[in-house]
Protein backbone atom coordinates (compact mmCIF):
# COMPACT_ATOMS: atom_id res chain seq x y z
CA MET A 1 11.76 13.48 7.61
CA GLY A 2 12.96 9.66 5.01
CA GLN A 3 15.35 9.25 2.86
CA PHE A 4 16.32 6.70 -0.31
CA ILE A 5 18.35 2.76 1.48
CA LYS A 6 19.29 0.31 -1.45
CA LEU A 7 17.87 -2.26 -0.80
CA GLU A 8 18.47 -6.13 -1.14
CA SER A 9 15.35 -8.22 -2.62
CA GLY A 10 16.56 -11.89 -4.21
CA ASN A 11 18.48 -10.97 -7.37
CA THR A 12 18.45 -7.73 -7.24
CA THR A 13 19.08 -4.16 -5.48
CA ILE A 14 15.97 -1.76 -5.66
CA ASP A 15 16.08 1.33 -3.58
CA ALA A 16 13.62 2.43 -0.62
CA TYR A 17 12.24 5.44 0.33
CA LEU A 18 13.14 5.11 4.33
CA ALA A 19 11.59 7.03 7.29
CA GLU A 20 11.63 6.49 11.46
CA PRO A 21 10.07 8.23 14.02
CA THR A 22 11.19 9.95 16.35
CA GLY A 23 11.25 7.91 19.12
CA PRO A 24 10.59 4.08 20.39
CA SER A 25 8.92 2.89 16.58
CA LYS A 26 5.57 1.07 17.92
CA GLY A 27 6.29 -1.02 14.73
CA GLY A 28 6.90 -1.17 10.45
CA VAL A 29 5.27 -0.52 7.59
CA VAL A 30 5.68 -0.97 4.48
CA VAL A 31 4.40 1.62 1.89
CA ILE A 32 2.91 0.25 -1.52
CA GLN A 33 3.07 1.59 -3.92
CA GLU A 34 0.65 3.14 -7.02
CA ILE A 35 1.42 2.87 -10.10
CA PHE A 36 3.44 6.08 -10.35
CA GLY A 37 5.75 4.92 -8.41
CA VAL A 38 7.39 6.15 -5.31
CA ASN A 39 6.41 9.36 -6.32
CA SER A 40 6.12 12.83 -3.78
CA HIS A 41 2.76 11.26 -2.57
CA ILE A 42 4.06 7.56 -1.40
CA ARG A 43 7.26 9.62 0.19
CA ASP A 44 4.81 11.96 2.29
CA VAL A 45 1.91 9.40 2.59
CA THR A 46 5.60 7.59 4.35
CA ASP A 47 7.02 9.83 6.70
CA ARG A 48 3.54 10.65 7.68
CA PHE A 49 3.31 7.07 9.17
CA ALA A 50 6.90 8.27 10.80
CA GLN A 51 5.29 10.90 12.32
CA ALA A 52 2.67 8.14 13.31
CA GLY A 53 5.28 6.62 15.62
CA TYR A 54 6.78 4.21 12.70
CA THR A 55 9.07 2.66 11.31
CA ALA A 56 7.56 3.17 7.21
CA ILE A 57 9.90 1.53 4.09
CA ALA A 58 7.83 2.13 0.11
CA PRO A 59 9.47 0.20 -1.99
CA ALA A 60 11.10 1.55 -5.75
CA LEU A 61 8.22 -2.00 -7.30
CA PHE A 62 10.18 -0.67 -10.30
CA ASP A 63 13.08 -0.83 -10.67
CA HIS A 64 13.15 -3.99 -11.52
CA GLU A 65 11.26 -2.62 -15.07
CA LYS A 66 12.95 1.17 -14.46
CA LYS A 67 15.11 3.14 -12.56
CA ASN A 68 14.03 5.94 -11.01
CA VAL A 69 9.67 6.17 -11.86
CA GLU A 70 8.07 8.93 -10.54
CA LEU A 71 4.89 9.88 -12.17
CA ASN A 72 2.34 11.98 -12.94
CA TYR A 73 -1.60 12.05 -12.14
CA ASP A 74 -2.11 12.96 -15.88
CA GLU A 75 -3.72 10.44 -18.88
CA VAL A 76 0.59 10.03 -19.82
CA GLY A 77 1.47 9.13 -16.17
CA MET A 78 -1.42 6.69 -15.86
CA LYS A 79 -0.69 5.08 -18.55
CA THR A 80 3.23 4.53 -18.31
CA GLY A 81 1.68 3.41 -15.00
CA ILE A 82 -0.46 0.61 -16.52
CA GLU A 83 2.47 -0.74 -18.89
CA LEU A 84 4.94 -0.94 -16.24
CA VAL A 85 1.82 -3.05 -13.99
CA SER A 86 1.46 -5.27 -16.75
CA LYS A 87 5.30 -6.35 -17.56
CA LEU A 88 5.86 -6.43 -13.60
CA GLY A 89 3.47 -8.65 -12.33
CA PHE A 90 2.66 -10.11 -9.08
CA ASP A 91 5.48 -11.71 -8.00
CA LYS A 92 8.35 -9.35 -7.59
CA PRO A 93 6.42 -7.41 -5.79
CA ILE A 94 5.55 -9.82 -3.17
CA GLN A 95 8.96 -10.50 -2.77
CA ASP A 96 10.05 -7.02 -2.44
CA VAL A 97 7.27 -6.58 0.27
CA GLU A 98 9.31 -9.38 1.87
CA ALA A 99 12.97 -8.02 1.97
CA ALA A 100 10.84 -4.55 3.25
CA ALA A 101 9.63 -5.91 6.00
CA LYS A 102 12.71 -7.92 6.79
CA ARG A 103 14.70 -4.25 6.83
CA ILE A 104 12.70 -2.77 9.30
CA ALA A 105 11.87 -6.32 11.18
CA ILE A 106 14.80 -4.45 14.21
CA ALA A 107 11.19 -2.51 14.63
CA GLY A 108 8.52 -5.09 15.99
CA LYS A 109 5.81 -6.21 14.03
CA VAL A 110 5.67 -5.05 10.54
CA GLY A 111 3.14 -4.31 7.97
CA THR A 112 1.96 -3.34 4.99
CA VAL A 113 -0.51 -1.03 3.44
CA GLY A 114 -0.82 0.10 -0.56
CA PHE A 115 -2.86 2.34 -2.85
CA CYS A 116 -4.55 1.52 -6.17
CA TRP A 117 -2.44 -1.41 -7.04
CA GLY A 118 -0.34 -0.91 -3.94
CA GLY A 119 -4.06 -2.31 -2.09
CA SER A 120 -3.40 -5.21 -4.21
CA VAL A 121 -0.29 -5.88 -3.83
CA ALA A 122 -1.13 -5.51 0.61
CA TYR A 123 -4.44 -7.80 -0.60
CA LEU A 124 -2.06 -9.86 -1.36
CA SER A 125 0.57 -9.94 1.52
CA ALA A 126 -1.72 -10.34 3.61
CA ILE A 127 -2.40 -13.77 2.03
CA LYS A 128 1.83 -14.86 1.09
CA LEU A 129 3.28 -13.50 3.72
CA GLY A 130 1.60 -13.52 6.79
CA LEU A 131 1.96 -10.12 7.69
CA PRO A 132 -1.59 -7.30 8.08
CA SER A 133 -2.74 -5.62 5.92
CA VAL A 134 -4.51 -2.69 5.27
CA SER A 135 -5.61 -2.08 0.84
CA TYR A 136 -6.82 1.22 -0.01
CA TYR A 137 -9.13 1.55 -3.30
CA GLY A 138 -7.64 -1.85 -4.54
CA GLY A 139 -8.88 -2.96 -8.62
CA ARG A 140 -7.09 -6.28 -8.18
CA ASN A 141 -8.51 -7.33 -5.79
CA ILE A 142 -10.95 -9.07 -6.97
CA MET A 143 -8.49 -11.52 -7.80
CA PHE A 144 -7.90 -13.43 -4.58
CA VAL A 145 -10.31 -13.47 -3.05
CA ASP A 146 -9.99 -17.20 -3.73
CA GLN A 147 -7.61 -17.17 -1.75
CA LYS A 148 -7.26 -16.97 2.11
CA ALA A 149 -5.28 -14.11 4.08
CA LYS A 150 -3.16 -15.48 6.93
CA ALA A 151 -3.87 -11.55 8.75
CA PRO A 152 -5.75 -9.38 9.26
CA LEU A 153 -7.18 -7.04 6.64
CA LEU A 154 -8.92 -3.69 6.79
CA PHE A 155 -10.63 -2.64 3.08
CA HIS A 156 -10.48 1.07 2.29
CA TYR A 157 -13.21 1.92 -0.81
CA GLY A 158 -14.44 5.41 -2.80
CA GLU A 159 -18.38 4.49 -2.80
CA ARG A 160 -17.46 6.38 -6.72
CA ASP A 161 -14.89 4.35 -7.92
CA ALA A 162 -15.82 4.03 -11.28
CA HIS A 163 -12.85 1.49 -11.58
CA ILE A 164 -14.15 -0.66 -9.08
CA SER A 165 -17.21 -2.45 -8.33
CA ALA A 166 -20.50 -2.50 -5.89
CA ASP A 167 -20.38 -6.34 -6.68
CA ASP A 168 -16.40 -6.25 -7.20
CA ARG A 169 -16.21 -4.95 -3.60
CA ALA A 170 -19.22 -6.99 -2.13
CA LYS A 171 -16.84 -10.55 -3.30
CA VAL A 172 -14.41 -9.36 -1.72
CA GLN A 173 -15.69 -8.69 1.72
CA ALA A 174 -17.64 -12.32 1.81
CA ALA A 175 -14.34 -13.77 1.34
CA ASN A 176 -13.43 -12.13 3.51
CA PRO A 177 -15.58 -11.94 6.32
CA ASP A 178 -13.61 -10.87 9.43
CA ALA A 179 -11.65 -7.61 8.00
CA GLY A 180 -12.54 -4.38 8.41
CA PHE A 181 -14.44 -2.94 5.30
CA TYR A 182 -15.52 0.15 4.66
CA VAL A 183 -16.86 2.83 2.03
CA TYR A 184 -16.15 6.36 2.01
CA ASP A 185 -18.20 8.57 -0.42
CA ALA A 186 -15.63 9.01 -2.65
CA ASP A 187 -13.75 8.72 -5.91
CA HIS A 188 -10.05 6.48 -6.88
CA GLY A 189 -7.56 8.08 -5.21
CA PHE A 190 -9.47 9.53 -2.34
CA ASN A 191 -6.72 9.58 0.16
CA CYS A 192 -4.40 11.59 -2.14
CA ASP A 193 -4.31 15.31 -2.51
CA GLN A 194 -2.92 15.73 -5.54
CA ARG A 195 -5.68 14.04 -7.77
CA GLY A 196 -8.90 16.08 -7.76
CA SER A 197 -9.71 12.58 -6.15
CA TYR A 198 -8.61 14.01 -3.27
CA ASP A 199 -11.55 13.63 0.03
CA ALA A 200 -10.29 15.55 2.87
CA PRO A 201 -12.77 13.70 5.26
CA SER A 202 -12.72 10.49 3.38
CA ALA A 203 -8.48 10.21 3.95
CA LYS A 204 -8.14 11.54 7.20
CA LEU A 205 -11.06 9.42 8.46
CA ALA A 206 -8.83 6.21 7.25
CA MET A 207 -5.84 7.57 7.93
CA GLU A 208 -7.82 6.97 12.20
CA ARG A 209 -8.68 2.73 11.11
CA THR A 210 -5.68 2.82 9.79
CA LEU A 211 -3.94 3.32 12.49
CA ALA A 212 -6.51 2.16 15.06
CA PHE A 213 -6.24 -1.15 12.59
CA PHE A 214 -1.50 -0.47 12.77
CA GLY A 215 -2.16 -0.33 17.01
CA LYS A 216 -3.79 -3.24 17.86
CA ASN A 217 -2.00 -6.16 14.81
CA LEU A 218 1.33 -4.15 15.26
CA ALA A 219 0.76 -4.33 19.40
């Protein structure tokens, strides 16, 4: 459904995967990658938002460090992704999200949805850019609890996620009392059908809640 385009972000040109609905757009959604790049899973998620009626775009955030990153869900992929994230920081990803949001602004109001590391970038997008945002199992969310969001937020977590403690979840929830906040009987990465931790019922319910959130906040 989608295609790669060039996206101007600051003084840099990066790739982005763009998927558009067949009919009138309900708004725009910036899909923010995991630590594994804009791989087939992230492209599929972007396509699904387009199928739901949104103009969706997934900027290739790793392009600042390395082009065409598509990592597998294995030990090597995780190690490489963590290294890239450590080098990249958060300033450039937020710049990229802002550029992507402007690129699809013609579609209407824009929000973000992010997964894993991208879940934390999504949270930060609500804080820094004022974009309604959905954060799936963002392990670094705890870093931003002292900053106030400027837009509505929705959080999805897995109760059995070894990467995110119950205490960290509680602190994120306490810092965002008006946000939607859901914990599923699932592990980290439960939305990704390419991972062993995929949980279909949790993924389906989380997507329903995500689409309801966007239906309300991007209308």
